[in-house]
Amino acid sequence: MVFGKIPLPLWVNAEVLSHEEIKLLYEKGIEISAFSHLINFDDINKVAEAIDTIKQHHPSHKIWVENPADF
């Protein structure tokens, strides 16, 4: 991990970025995926499911979860 760089691959929760923003990042060479449904961070089971999905696609990568306190 390099500080100041976007961790790749990047996964974002639904509604964090617009389709246009995701497309722009993809066109700039950023490996990005967005969940199609909103993941409720108050539901630990939903967070665990999301992490499992990421692990299936990227089994050897470390996973960092960020969540604003007022989300």
Protein backbone atom coordinates (compact mmCIF):
# COMPACT_ATOMS: atom_id res chain seq x y z
CA MET A 1 0.00 0.00 0.00
CA VAL A 2 1.27 3.45 -0.90
CA PHE A 3 -0.12 6.46 0.95
CA GLY A 4 -1.64 9.11 -1.30
CA LYS A 5 -2.54 6.57 -3.99
CA ILE A 6 -5.90 4.96 -4.68
CA PRO A 7 -5.83 1.34 -3.50
CA LEU A 8 -6.54 -0.99 -6.39
CA PRO A 9 -8.83 -2.64 -7.01
CA LEU A 10 -11.27 -0.08 -5.62
CA TRP A 11 -14.77 -1.14 -4.58
CA VAL A 12 -17.37 1.45 -3.56
CA ASN A 13 -20.79 1.25 -2.01
CA ALA A 14 -23.80 1.95 -4.21
CA GLU A 15 -24.66 5.65 -4.50
CA VAL A 16 -21.16 6.80 -3.49
CA LEU A 17 -20.25 7.72 -7.06
CA SER A 18 -22.43 8.37 -10.09
CA HIS A 19 -22.23 6.13 -13.16
CA GLU A 20 -20.42 8.98 -14.92
CA GLU A 21 -17.83 9.27 -12.14
CA ILE A 22 -17.21 5.52 -12.20
CA LYS A 23 -16.84 5.60 -15.98
CA LEU A 24 -14.36 8.49 -15.77
CA LEU A 25 -12.21 6.67 -13.21
CA TYR A 26 -12.33 3.48 -15.28
CA GLU A 27 -11.26 5.42 -18.38
CA LYS A 28 -8.29 6.77 -16.38
CA GLY A 29 -7.17 3.20 -15.75
CA ILE A 30 -8.47 2.85 -12.21
CA GLU A 31 -9.75 -0.64 -11.50
CA ILE A 32 -13.10 0.16 -9.86
CA SER A 33 -16.22 -1.79 -9.00
CA ALA A 34 -19.41 -0.48 -7.42
CA PHE A 35 -21.89 -2.58 -5.54
CA SER A 36 -25.30 -2.52 -7.24
CA HIS A 37 -27.10 -2.33 -3.90
CA LEU A 38 -26.50 -0.15 -0.87
CA ILE A 39 -24.60 -1.93 1.90
CA ASN A 40 -25.90 -0.95 5.32
CA PHE A 41 -22.85 -0.60 7.58
CA ASP A 42 -25.09 -0.99 10.64
CA ASP A 43 -25.71 -4.59 9.55
CA ILE A 44 -22.53 -6.57 10.20
CA ASN A 45 -23.90 -9.51 8.19
CA LYS A 46 -24.31 -7.31 5.10
CA VAL A 47 -20.79 -5.97 5.53
CA ALA A 48 -19.48 -9.55 5.86
CA GLU A 49 -21.34 -10.53 2.67
CA ALA A 50 -19.77 -7.59 0.82
CA ILE A 51 -16.30 -8.57 2.05
CA ASP A 52 -16.92 -12.15 0.91
CA THR A 53 -17.89 -10.87 -2.55
CA ILE A 54 -14.66 -8.89 -2.78
CA LYS A 55 -12.63 -11.90 -1.58
CA GLN A 56 -14.18 -14.06 -4.32
CA HIS A 57 -13.00 -11.61 -6.98
CA HIS A 58 -9.64 -10.72 -5.40
CA PRO A 59 -8.62 -13.55 -3.04
CA SER A 60 -5.03 -12.41 -2.51
CA HIS A 61 -5.74 -8.73 -1.79
CA LYS A 62 -6.03 -7.00 1.55
CA ILE A 63 -9.41 -5.39 2.17
CA TRP A 64 -9.75 -1.99 3.80
CA VAL A 65 -13.23 -0.86 4.84
CA GLU A 66 -13.90 2.83 5.31
CA ASN A 67 -17.13 4.22 6.65
CA PRO A 68 -17.93 7.78 7.69
CA ALA A 69 -19.08 7.97 11.31
CA ASP A 70 -22.43 9.54 10.35
CA PHE A 71 -23.19 7.15 7.47
